[in-house]
Amino acid sequence: MEPSAIIYSYRNSLPSEALHDLKQYFAFKLKKLSEDIIADENLGFRNSVTEALLNDFSLADIKLVRELFHAELDCERTIWRHDNLYQLSFYLYSLGQMEDAFLLYEAKYGLGHMDASTMQDRYSITVGHEPNEVIKYVKSRFQDAPDLKNDYPQLVDELQSIIDDPDYESIADYSKFIRGYFLGHSNIAGSGTLH
């Protein structure tokens, strides 16, 4: 299976069963290399799919990006490898779906591993929106599903901290930074937004 075939299949919304079968190629799969060494059998292929998306990803890829992200979270939780987590966070941030604030919060604050958490930008949880907008969305989700707040207890506080103690002048400035990081600063000159 080639990365392009996975991307094509997800973009063209094959039936759920077919997509489920494709996950075997990139899902976290524990492999014991020796008595003391474990690895993720699919990490290399997941790297290839993630990289293949870099210059050509859109909302048509959201299902795939989320599946890749979940595989990276599983990998990080089990063997402390997170090779694609930052890049996949960029994709989710760029695609701007507010529901992904929860996934990005999990990557930044929920893994309990300093290396992975430090690598994640706190601004990613805004998914490219103003923090106040995301706070309203999150609070409405908490109201609809009160147990959700137990899984993301500090999400609203972290969003508020971006307002109270910003690292960038604006969300547009962060967007320009992160886009330049992945696509090259010369490629995004003058572009302050991702949407």
N, C-alpha and C. Protein backbone atom coordinates (compact mmCIF):
# COMPACT_ATOMS: atom_id res chain seq x y z
N MET A 1 0.85 -1.18 0.00
CA MET A 1 0.00 0.00 0.00
C MET A 1 0.89 1.24 0.00
N GLU A 2 0.56 2.17 -0.83
CA GLU A 2 1.30 3.44 -0.92
C GLU A 2 0.56 4.52 -0.13
N PRO A 3 1.30 5.50 0.41
CA PRO A 3 0.63 6.60 1.11
C PRO A 3 -0.42 7.29 0.25
N SER A 4 -0.13 7.47 -1.02
CA SER A 4 -1.09 8.15 -1.91
C SER A 4 -2.40 7.37 -2.02
N ALA A 5 -2.35 6.05 -1.94
CA ALA A 5 -3.57 5.23 -2.01
C ALA A 5 -4.42 5.42 -0.75
N ILE A 6 -3.76 5.52 0.39
CA ILE A 6 -4.48 5.77 1.64
C ILE A 6 -5.16 7.14 1.57
N ILE A 7 -4.40 8.14 1.15
CA ILE A 7 -4.95 9.50 1.06
C ILE A 7 -6.12 9.54 0.09
N TYR A 8 -5.96 8.94 -1.06
CA TYR A 8 -7.03 8.92 -2.07
C TYR A 8 -8.29 8.25 -1.51
N SER A 9 -8.12 7.15 -0.84
CA SER A 9 -9.26 6.40 -0.30
C SER A 9 -10.03 7.22 0.73
N TYR A 10 -9.31 7.89 1.61
CA TYR A 10 -9.98 8.71 2.61
C TYR A 10 -10.65 9.93 1.97
N ARG A 11 -9.98 10.54 1.02
CA ARG A 11 -10.56 11.72 0.37
C ARG A 11 -11.83 11.38 -0.39
N ASN A 12 -11.90 10.19 -0.89
CA ASN A 12 -13.06 9.81 -1.69
C ASN A 12 -14.10 9.05 -0.89
N SER A 13 -13.99 9.18 0.42
CA SER A 13 -15.00 8.67 1.35
C SER A 13 -15.51 7.27 1.02
N LEU A 14 -14.60 6.34 1.00
CA LEU A 14 -15.01 4.95 0.85
C LEU A 14 -15.89 4.57 2.03
N PRO A 15 -16.64 3.50 1.92
CA PRO A 15 -17.47 3.06 3.05
C PRO A 15 -16.63 2.84 4.31
N SER A 16 -17.25 3.02 5.46
CA SER A 16 -16.55 2.91 6.74
C SER A 16 -15.77 1.62 6.89
N GLU A 17 -16.34 0.51 6.39
CA GLU A 17 -15.65 -0.78 6.51
C GLU A 17 -14.32 -0.75 5.76
N ALA A 18 -14.33 -0.16 4.58
CA ALA A 18 -13.10 -0.10 3.77
C ALA A 18 -12.06 0.77 4.46
N LEU A 19 -12.50 1.90 5.01
CA LEU A 19 -11.56 2.78 5.72
C LEU A 19 -11.02 2.08 6.96
N HIS A 20 -11.88 1.34 7.64
CA HIS A 20 -11.43 0.60 8.83
C HIS A 20 -10.33 -0.39 8.44
N ASP A 21 -10.48 -1.05 7.32
CA ASP A 21 -9.46 -2.00 6.85
C ASP A 21 -8.14 -1.30 6.53
N LEU A 22 -8.21 -0.06 6.05
CA LEU A 22 -7.00 0.68 5.70
C LEU A 22 -6.22 1.12 6.94
N LYS A 23 -6.89 1.28 8.07
CA LYS A 23 -6.21 1.72 9.29
C LYS A 23 -5.10 0.77 9.70
N GLN A 24 -5.20 -0.49 9.31
CA GLN A 24 -4.17 -1.46 9.69
C GLN A 24 -2.78 -1.04 9.20
N TYR A 25 -2.73 -0.23 8.16
CA TYR A 25 -1.45 0.17 7.59
C TYR A 25 -0.76 1.28 8.38
N PHE A 26 -1.53 2.07 9.13
CA PHE A 26 -0.90 3.18 9.85
C PHE A 26 -1.23 3.24 11.34
N ALA A 27 -2.15 2.42 11.81
CA ALA A 27 -2.50 2.42 13.24
C ALA A 27 -1.29 1.99 14.07
N PHE A 28 -1.25 2.44 15.32
CA PHE A 28 -0.17 2.00 16.20
C PHE A 28 -0.22 0.49 16.33
N LYS A 29 0.93 -0.15 16.13
CA LYS A 29 1.02 -1.61 16.23
C LYS A 29 2.32 -1.95 16.96
N LEU A 30 2.16 -2.41 18.17
CA LEU A 30 3.31 -2.73 19.01
C LEU A 30 4.09 -3.90 18.44
N LYS A 31 5.40 -3.73 18.40
CA LYS A 31 6.28 -4.78 17.90
C LYS A 31 7.44 -4.92 18.89
N LYS A 32 7.68 -6.13 19.33
CA LYS A 32 8.79 -6.39 20.24
C LYS A 32 10.02 -6.72 19.41
N LEU A 33 11.04 -5.87 19.52
CA LEU A 33 12.27 -6.07 18.76
C LEU A 33 13.26 -6.95 19.51
N SER A 34 13.22 -6.87 20.82
CA SER A 34 14.07 -7.71 21.67
C SER A 34 13.42 -7.74 23.05
N GLU A 35 14.10 -8.34 23.98
CA GLU A 35 13.55 -8.43 25.34
C GLU A 35 13.28 -7.05 25.94
N ASP A 36 14.13 -6.08 25.60
CA ASP A 36 14.03 -4.75 26.20
C ASP A 36 13.54 -3.66 25.25
N ILE A 37 13.39 -3.98 23.99
CA ILE A 37 13.08 -2.93 23.01
C ILE A 37 11.76 -3.22 22.30
N ILE A 38 10.88 -2.20 22.35
CA ILE A 38 9.61 -2.29 21.62
C ILE A 38 9.53 -1.12 20.65
N ALA A 39 8.73 -1.29 19.62
CA ALA A 39 8.61 -0.26 18.59
C ALA A 39 7.18 -0.26 18.05
N ASP A 40 6.93 0.66 17.15
CA ASP A 40 5.65 0.73 16.45
C ASP A 40 5.91 0.25 15.02
N GLU A 41 5.33 -0.88 14.69
CA GLU A 41 5.55 -1.48 13.37
C GLU A 41 5.12 -0.56 12.22
N ASN A 42 4.14 0.29 12.45
CA ASN A 42 3.60 1.14 11.38
C ASN A 42 4.12 2.57 11.40
N LEU A 43 5.06 2.88 12.27
CA LEU A 43 5.53 4.25 12.40
C LEU A 43 6.11 4.79 11.09
N GLY A 44 6.92 4.02 10.42
CA GLY A 44 7.53 4.48 9.17
C GLY A 44 6.49 4.82 8.11
N PHE A 45 5.48 3.97 7.99
CA PHE A 45 4.44 4.22 7.00
C PHE A 45 3.61 5.44 7.41
N ARG A 46 3.32 5.57 8.71
CA ARG A 46 2.57 6.73 9.19
C ARG A 46 3.36 8.01 8.93
N ASN A 47 4.69 7.95 9.09
CA ASN A 47 5.54 9.10 8.74
C ASN A 47 5.35 9.47 7.27
N SER A 48 5.33 8.47 6.40
CA SER A 48 5.20 8.71 4.96
C SER A 48 3.85 9.33 4.60
N VAL A 49 2.79 8.83 5.21
CA VAL A 49 1.45 9.38 4.93
C VAL A 49 1.38 10.83 5.43
N THR A 50 1.88 11.05 6.64
CA THR A 50 1.86 12.40 7.22
C THR A 50 2.63 13.37 6.34
N GLU A 51 3.79 12.96 5.89
CA GLU A 51 4.62 13.83 5.04
C GLU A 51 3.97 14.06 3.68
N ALA A 52 3.33 13.04 3.13
CA ALA A 52 2.68 13.18 1.82
C ALA A 52 1.55 14.20 1.85
N LEU A 53 0.95 14.41 3.00
CA LEU A 53 -0.14 15.38 3.13
C LEU A 53 0.35 16.83 3.21
N LEU A 54 1.61 17.05 3.54
CA LEU A 54 2.09 18.38 3.90
C LEU A 54 1.73 19.48 2.91
N ASN A 55 1.99 19.28 1.65
CA ASN A 55 1.75 20.35 0.68
C ASN A 55 0.38 20.29 0.03
N ASP A 56 -0.45 19.36 0.49
CA ASP A 56 -1.77 19.21 -0.14
C ASP A 56 -2.75 18.57 0.84
N PHE A 57 -3.18 19.34 1.84
CA PHE A 57 -4.20 18.82 2.75
C PHE A 57 -5.34 19.82 2.84
N SER A 58 -6.52 19.27 3.04
CA SER A 58 -7.72 20.11 3.11
C SER A 58 -8.74 19.41 4.01
N LEU A 59 -9.92 20.01 4.12
CA LEU A 59 -10.97 19.38 4.93
C LEU A 59 -11.34 18.00 4.42
N ALA A 60 -11.06 17.72 3.15
CA ALA A 60 -11.32 16.37 2.62
C ALA A 60 -10.46 15.33 3.33
N ASP A 61 -9.40 15.77 4.01
CA ASP A 61 -8.48 14.87 4.70
C ASP A 61 -8.74 14.77 6.20
N ILE A 62 -9.76 15.43 6.70
CA ILE A 62 -9.95 15.53 8.15
C ILE A 62 -10.08 14.16 8.82
N LYS A 63 -10.82 13.23 8.22
CA LYS A 63 -10.95 11.89 8.82
C LYS A 63 -9.58 11.22 8.94
N LEU A 64 -8.81 11.28 7.87
CA LEU A 64 -7.49 10.66 7.86
C LEU A 64 -6.58 11.33 8.88
N VAL A 65 -6.55 12.65 8.90
CA VAL A 65 -5.68 13.36 9.84
C VAL A 65 -6.05 12.98 11.28
N ARG A 66 -7.32 12.91 11.58
CA ARG A 66 -7.74 12.52 12.94
C ARG A 66 -7.32 11.08 13.25
N GLU A 67 -7.46 10.19 12.31
CA GLU A 67 -7.04 8.79 12.52
C GLU A 67 -5.52 8.71 12.75
N LEU A 68 -4.76 9.43 11.95
CA LEU A 68 -3.31 9.48 12.12
C LEU A 68 -2.96 10.05 13.50
N PHE A 69 -3.67 11.09 13.89
CA PHE A 69 -3.44 11.74 15.18
C PHE A 69 -3.69 10.76 16.33
N HIS A 70 -4.80 10.03 16.25
CA HIS A 70 -5.09 9.03 17.29
C HIS A 70 -4.00 7.96 17.35
N ALA A 71 -3.50 7.55 16.19
CA ALA A 71 -2.42 6.56 16.15
C ALA A 71 -1.16 7.11 16.82
N GLU A 72 -0.87 8.39 16.58
CA GLU A 72 0.29 9.02 17.22
C GLU A 72 0.10 9.11 18.73
N LEU A 73 -1.10 9.44 19.17
CA LEU A 73 -1.36 9.48 20.61
C LEU A 73 -1.16 8.10 21.23
N ASP A 74 -1.65 7.06 20.57
CA ASP A 74 -1.46 5.69 21.06
C ASP A 74 0.02 5.34 21.12
N CYS A 75 0.75 5.73 20.11
CA CYS A 75 2.19 5.46 20.05
C CYS A 75 2.90 6.17 21.21
N GLU A 76 2.57 7.43 21.41
CA GLU A 76 3.18 8.20 22.49
C GLU A 76 2.87 7.60 23.86
N ARG A 77 1.64 7.22 24.06
CA ARG A 77 1.25 6.65 25.36
C ARG A 77 1.96 5.33 25.66
N THR A 78 2.25 4.57 24.61
CA THR A 78 2.80 3.23 24.81
C THR A 78 4.33 3.20 24.77
N ILE A 79 4.92 3.84 23.78
CA ILE A 79 6.38 3.74 23.64
C ILE A 79 7.09 5.10 23.64
N TRP A 80 6.36 6.16 23.93
CA TRP A 80 6.90 7.51 24.03
C TRP A 80 7.54 8.00 22.73
N ARG A 81 6.94 7.60 21.63
CA ARG A 81 7.36 8.13 20.32
C ARG A 81 6.23 9.00 19.80
N HIS A 82 6.59 10.15 19.28
CA HIS A 82 5.58 11.10 18.80
C HIS A 82 6.09 11.82 17.56
N ASP A 83 6.68 11.08 16.65
CA ASP A 83 7.35 11.64 15.49
C ASP A 83 6.47 12.60 14.68
N ASN A 84 5.20 12.29 14.54
CA ASN A 84 4.30 13.06 13.68
C ASN A 84 3.33 13.96 14.43
N LEU A 85 3.38 13.95 15.73
CA LEU A 85 2.35 14.63 16.51
C LEU A 85 2.31 16.14 16.23
N TYR A 86 3.45 16.77 16.16
CA TYR A 86 3.49 18.22 15.94
C TYR A 86 2.97 18.57 14.55
N GLN A 87 3.39 17.81 13.55
CA GLN A 87 2.94 18.07 12.19
C GLN A 87 1.43 17.83 12.05
N LEU A 88 0.93 16.77 12.64
CA LEU A 88 -0.51 16.50 12.60
C LEU A 88 -1.29 17.56 13.38
N SER A 89 -0.70 18.08 14.44
CA SER A 89 -1.32 19.20 15.17
C SER A 89 -1.45 20.42 14.26
N PHE A 90 -0.42 20.66 13.47
CA PHE A 90 -0.47 21.76 12.49
C PHE A 90 -1.62 21.56 11.51
N TYR A 91 -1.78 20.34 11.04
CA TYR A 91 -2.88 20.06 10.10
C TYR A 91 -4.23 20.34 10.76
N LEU A 92 -4.43 19.82 11.97
CA LEU A 92 -5.71 20.04 12.66
C LEU A 92 -5.94 21.52 12.92
N TYR A 93 -4.90 22.21 13.36
CA TYR A 93 -5.00 23.65 13.60
C TYR A 93 -5.39 24.36 12.30
N SER A 94 -4.73 24.02 11.23
CA SER A 94 -4.97 24.67 9.94
C SER A 94 -6.38 24.41 9.42
N LEU A 95 -6.90 23.23 9.67
CA LEU A 95 -8.23 22.89 9.17
C LEU A 95 -9.35 23.56 9.98
N GLY A 96 -9.02 24.02 11.17
CA GLY A 96 -9.89 24.92 11.91
C GLY A 96 -11.21 24.39 12.42
N GLN A 97 -11.29 23.10 12.69
CA GLN A 97 -12.53 22.52 13.21
C GLN A 97 -12.51 22.59 14.74
N MET A 98 -13.43 23.34 15.31
CA MET A 98 -13.39 23.58 16.77
C MET A 98 -13.40 22.30 17.58
N GLU A 99 -14.06 21.26 17.10
CA GLU A 99 -14.10 20.01 17.86
C GLU A 99 -12.70 19.42 18.07
N ASP A 100 -11.74 19.81 17.24
CA ASP A 100 -10.38 19.30 17.38
C ASP A 100 -9.60 19.97 18.50
N ALA A 101 -10.17 21.01 19.11
CA ALA A 101 -9.53 21.62 20.28
C ALA A 101 -9.33 20.57 21.37
N PHE A 102 -10.25 19.62 21.46
CA PHE A 102 -10.14 18.57 22.48
C PHE A 102 -8.96 17.64 22.20
N LEU A 103 -8.79 17.23 20.96
CA LEU A 103 -7.65 16.38 20.59
C LEU A 103 -6.33 17.10 20.83
N LEU A 104 -6.28 18.37 20.44
CA LEU A 104 -5.05 19.14 20.59
C LEU A 104 -4.74 19.40 22.07
N TYR A 105 -5.76 19.59 22.87
CA TYR A 105 -5.57 19.71 24.31
C TYR A 105 -4.97 18.42 24.87
N GLU A 106 -5.50 17.29 24.42
CA GLU A 106 -4.99 15.99 24.87
C GLU A 106 -3.50 15.86 24.57
N ALA A 107 -3.10 16.28 23.38
CA ALA A 107 -1.69 16.17 22.99
C ALA A 107 -0.80 17.10 23.82
N LYS A 108 -1.29 18.29 24.14
CA LYS A 108 -0.49 19.26 24.89
C LYS A 108 -0.51 18.99 26.39
N TYR A 109 -1.67 18.68 26.93
CA TYR A 109 -1.81 18.64 28.39
C TYR A 109 -2.18 17.28 28.97
N GLY A 110 -2.56 16.32 28.14
CA GLY A 110 -3.08 15.08 28.67
C GLY A 110 -2.18 13.87 28.58
N LEU A 111 -1.04 13.98 27.94
CA LEU A 111 -0.20 12.80 27.74
C LEU A 111 0.68 12.47 28.95
N GLY A 112 1.02 13.46 29.73
CA GLY A 112 1.85 13.21 30.89
C GLY A 112 3.30 12.88 30.55
N HIS A 113 3.74 13.29 29.38
CA HIS A 113 5.12 13.07 28.97
C HIS A 113 5.70 14.42 28.56
N MET A 114 6.71 14.84 29.28
CA MET A 114 7.25 16.18 29.09
C MET A 114 7.69 16.46 27.65
N ASP A 115 8.38 15.53 27.02
CA ASP A 115 8.88 15.78 25.67
C ASP A 115 7.74 16.07 24.69
N ALA A 116 6.71 15.26 24.73
CA ALA A 116 5.59 15.46 23.81
C ALA A 116 4.83 16.73 24.15
N SER A 117 4.60 16.98 25.43
CA SER A 117 3.83 18.14 25.84
C SER A 117 4.56 19.45 25.56
N THR A 118 5.85 19.48 25.81
CA THR A 118 6.63 20.69 25.57
C THR A 118 6.69 21.02 24.09
N MET A 119 6.73 20.02 23.26
CA MET A 119 6.82 20.21 21.82
C MET A 119 5.55 20.85 21.25
N GLN A 120 4.41 20.60 21.87
CA GLN A 120 3.14 21.11 21.36
C GLN A 120 2.97 22.59 21.72
N ASP A 121 2.52 23.39 20.77
CA ASP A 121 2.24 24.80 21.04
C ASP A 121 0.90 24.94 21.74
N ARG A 122 0.85 25.77 22.75
CA ARG A 122 -0.42 25.96 23.45
C ARG A 122 -1.46 26.62 22.55
N TYR A 123 -1.02 27.39 21.59
CA TYR A 123 -1.94 28.06 20.67
C TYR A 123 -2.69 27.08 19.78
N SER A 124 -2.19 25.87 19.65
CA SER A 124 -2.86 24.91 18.78
C SER A 124 -4.30 24.66 19.22
N ILE A 125 -4.58 24.77 20.52
CA ILE A 125 -5.93 24.49 21.00
C ILE A 125 -6.96 25.51 20.54
N THR A 126 -6.51 26.60 19.92
CA THR A 126 -7.45 27.58 19.37
C THR A 126 -7.95 27.15 18.00
N VAL A 127 -7.35 26.16 17.41
CA VAL A 127 -7.64 25.70 16.05
C VAL A 127 -7.86 26.86 15.08
N GLY A 128 -7.04 27.90 15.24
CA GLY A 128 -7.07 29.04 14.32
C GLY A 128 -8.18 30.04 14.56
N HIS A 129 -8.92 29.88 15.63
CA HIS A 129 -10.01 30.81 15.96
C HIS A 129 -9.59 31.67 17.15
N GLU A 130 -10.30 32.74 17.36
CA GLU A 130 -10.06 33.56 18.55
C GLU A 130 -10.39 32.71 19.79
N PRO A 131 -9.58 32.80 20.83
CA PRO A 131 -9.82 31.98 22.03
C PRO A 131 -11.23 32.14 22.60
N ASN A 132 -11.79 33.35 22.56
CA ASN A 132 -13.15 33.55 23.09
C ASN A 132 -14.18 32.69 22.35
N GLU A 133 -14.01 32.55 21.04
CA GLU A 133 -14.92 31.72 20.25
C GLU A 133 -14.82 30.25 20.68
N VAL A 134 -13.59 29.81 20.89
CA VAL A 134 -13.38 28.41 21.27
C VAL A 134 -13.89 28.17 22.69
N ILE A 135 -13.70 29.13 23.57
CA ILE A 135 -14.24 29.01 24.93
C ILE A 135 -15.75 28.83 24.89
N LYS A 136 -16.44 29.63 24.09
CA LYS A 136 -17.90 29.49 23.96
C LYS A 136 -18.27 28.10 23.46
N TYR A 137 -17.54 27.64 22.45
CA TYR A 137 -17.81 26.31 21.89
C TYR A 137 -17.60 25.22 22.95
N VAL A 138 -16.47 25.28 23.64
CA VAL A 138 -16.14 24.26 24.65
C VAL A 138 -17.17 24.27 25.77
N LYS A 139 -17.54 25.44 26.24
CA LYS A 139 -18.55 25.52 27.31
C LYS A 139 -19.88 24.94 26.86
N SER A 140 -20.24 25.16 25.61
CA SER A 140 -21.50 24.58 25.11
C SER A 140 -21.41 23.06 25.04
N ARG A 141 -20.24 22.56 24.66
CA ARG A 141 -20.04 21.09 24.64
C ARG A 141 -20.10 20.52 26.06
N PHE A 142 -19.50 21.23 27.02
CA PHE A 142 -19.55 20.79 28.42
C PHE A 142 -21.00 20.79 28.93
N GLN A 143 -21.77 21.75 28.49
CA GLN A 143 -23.17 21.82 28.91
C GLN A 143 -23.96 20.65 28.33
N ASP A 144 -23.68 20.32 27.07
CA ASP A 144 -24.37 19.20 26.41
C ASP A 144 -23.93 17.84 26.94
N ALA A 145 -22.66 17.75 27.33
CA ALA A 145 -22.09 16.48 27.81
C ALA A 145 -21.24 16.77 29.05
N PRO A 146 -21.85 16.89 30.22
CA PRO A 146 -21.13 17.29 31.44
C PRO A 146 -19.91 16.42 31.78
N ASP A 147 -19.96 15.14 31.44
CA ASP A 147 -18.82 14.26 31.73
C ASP A 147 -17.58 14.63 30.91
N LEU A 148 -17.78 15.31 29.81
CA LEU A 148 -16.66 15.72 28.96
C LEU A 148 -15.70 16.62 29.72
N LYS A 149 -16.23 17.42 30.63
CA LYS A 149 -15.39 18.34 31.40
C LYS A 149 -14.38 17.57 32.26
N ASN A 150 -14.73 16.37 32.70
CA ASN A 150 -13.81 15.56 33.49
C ASN A 150 -12.58 15.16 32.69
N ASP A 151 -12.75 14.99 31.38
CA ASP A 151 -11.63 14.60 30.52
C ASP A 151 -10.77 15.79 30.12
N TYR A 152 -11.34 16.97 30.15
CA TYR A 152 -10.63 18.18 29.71
C TYR A 152 -10.82 19.29 30.74
N PRO A 153 -10.39 19.04 31.98
CA PRO A 153 -10.74 19.94 33.09
C PRO A 153 -10.18 21.35 32.99
N GLN A 154 -9.06 21.52 32.33
CA GLN A 154 -8.42 22.83 32.27
C GLN A 154 -8.48 23.48 30.89
N LEU A 155 -9.24 22.92 29.99
CA LEU A 155 -9.27 23.44 28.61
C LEU A 155 -9.70 24.90 28.57
N VAL A 156 -10.76 25.25 29.25
CA VAL A 156 -11.22 26.65 29.25
C VAL A 156 -10.17 27.55 29.88
N ASP A 157 -9.56 27.10 30.98
CA ASP A 157 -8.51 27.90 31.64
C ASP A 157 -7.32 28.12 30.72
N GLU A 158 -6.93 27.09 29.99
CA GLU A 158 -5.79 27.23 29.08
C GLU A 158 -6.11 28.20 27.94
N LEU A 159 -7.32 28.13 27.43
CA LEU A 159 -7.74 29.08 26.40
C LEU A 159 -7.75 30.50 26.96
N GLN A 160 -8.24 30.65 28.17
CA GLN A 160 -8.26 31.98 28.81
C GLN A 160 -6.84 32.50 29.02
N SER A 161 -5.90 31.60 29.32
CA SER A 161 -4.51 32.03 29.53
C SER A 161 -3.88 32.58 28.25
N ILE A 162 -4.36 32.12 27.11
CA ILE A 162 -3.87 32.67 25.84
C ILE A 162 -4.33 34.12 25.69
N ILE A 163 -5.52 34.41 26.19
CA ILE A 163 -6.03 35.79 26.17
C ILE A 163 -5.28 36.64 27.19
N ASP A 164 -5.12 36.11 28.40
CA ASP A 164 -4.54 36.87 29.51
C ASP A 164 -3.03 37.04 29.41
N ASP A 165 -2.36 36.06 28.86
CA ASP A 165 -0.89 36.07 28.79
C ASP A 165 -0.44 35.56 27.42
N PRO A 166 -0.66 36.35 26.37
CA PRO A 166 -0.39 35.89 25.01
C PRO A 166 1.10 35.77 24.69
N ASP A 167 1.41 34.84 23.81
CA ASP A 167 2.77 34.68 23.29
C ASP A 167 2.94 35.40 21.96
N TYR A 168 1.83 35.69 21.30
CA TYR A 168 1.82 36.34 19.99
C TYR A 168 0.86 37.52 20.05
N GLU A 169 1.03 38.47 19.14
CA GLU A 169 0.14 39.62 19.07
C GLU A 169 -1.29 39.22 18.73
N SER A 170 -1.41 38.17 17.92
CA SER A 170 -2.74 37.75 17.46
C SER A 170 -2.69 36.30 17.02
N ILE A 171 -3.87 35.73 16.82
CA ILE A 171 -3.95 34.38 16.26
C ILE A 171 -3.34 34.38 14.86
N ALA A 172 -3.56 35.44 14.11
CA ALA A 172 -2.98 35.53 12.76
C ALA A 172 -1.46 35.47 12.81
N ASP A 173 -0.84 36.09 13.81
CA ASP A 173 0.62 36.03 13.94
C ASP A 173 1.09 34.61 14.25
N TYR A 174 0.38 33.92 15.14
CA TYR A 174 0.74 32.53 15.41
C TYR A 174 0.55 31.69 14.15
N SER A 175 -0.54 31.91 13.44
CA SER A 175 -0.81 31.16 12.21
C SER A 175 0.33 31.35 11.21
N LYS A 176 0.80 32.58 11.09
CA LYS A 176 1.91 32.86 10.18
C LYS A 176 3.18 32.12 10.63
N PHE A 177 3.44 32.14 11.93
CA PHE A 177 4.61 31.44 12.46
C PHE A 177 4.54 29.94 12.15
N ILE A 178 3.43 29.31 12.52
CA ILE A 178 3.35 27.85 12.40
C ILE A 178 3.34 27.42 10.94
N ARG A 179 2.71 28.21 10.12
CA ARG A 179 2.70 27.92 8.69
C ARG A 179 4.12 28.02 8.12
N GLY A 180 4.84 29.05 8.53
CA GLY A 180 6.22 29.21 8.09
C GLY A 180 7.12 28.08 8.58
N TYR A 181 6.87 27.61 9.79
CA TYR A 181 7.65 26.51 10.34
C TYR A 181 7.56 25.28 9.45
N PHE A 182 6.36 24.96 8.99
CA PHE A 182 6.17 23.74 8.20
C PHE A 182 6.33 23.95 6.70
N LEU A 183 5.99 25.11 6.20
CA LEU A 183 5.99 25.33 4.75
C LEU A 183 7.13 26.22 4.28
N GLY A 184 7.87 26.79 5.21
CA GLY A 184 8.96 27.69 4.87
C GLY A 184 8.48 29.13 4.94
N HIS A 185 9.20 29.94 5.69
CA HIS A 185 8.77 31.33 5.89
C HIS A 185 8.72 32.12 4.59
N SER A 186 9.59 31.83 3.66
CA SER A 186 9.56 32.56 2.38
C SER A 186 8.33 32.19 1.56
N ASN A 187 7.76 31.03 1.80
CA ASN A 187 6.57 30.59 1.06
C ASN A 187 5.28 31.22 1.56
N ILE A 188 5.33 31.84 2.73
CA ILE A 188 4.09 32.37 3.31
C ILE A 188 4.17 33.87 3.56
N ALA A 189 5.17 34.54 3.03
CA ALA A 189 5.33 35.97 3.26
C ALA A 189 4.03 36.71 2.98
N GLY A 190 3.61 37.51 3.95
CA GLY A 190 2.40 38.30 3.79
C GLY A 190 1.12 37.56 4.12
N SER A 191 1.22 36.27 4.33
CA SER A 191 0.01 35.49 4.64
C SER A 191 -0.12 35.34 6.14
N GLY A 192 -1.12 35.99 6.71
CA GLY A 192 -1.31 35.93 8.16
C GLY A 192 -2.32 34.92 8.62
N THR A 193 -3.10 34.37 7.71
CA THR A 193 -4.12 33.41 8.14
C THR A 193 -4.00 32.12 7.36
N LEU A 194 -4.62 31.11 7.90
CA LEU A 194 -4.58 29.79 7.27
C LEU A 194 -5.88 29.45 6.58
N HIS A 195 -6.94 30.13 6.92
CA HIS A 195 -8.26 29.75 6.41
C HIS A 195 -8.56 30.48 5.12
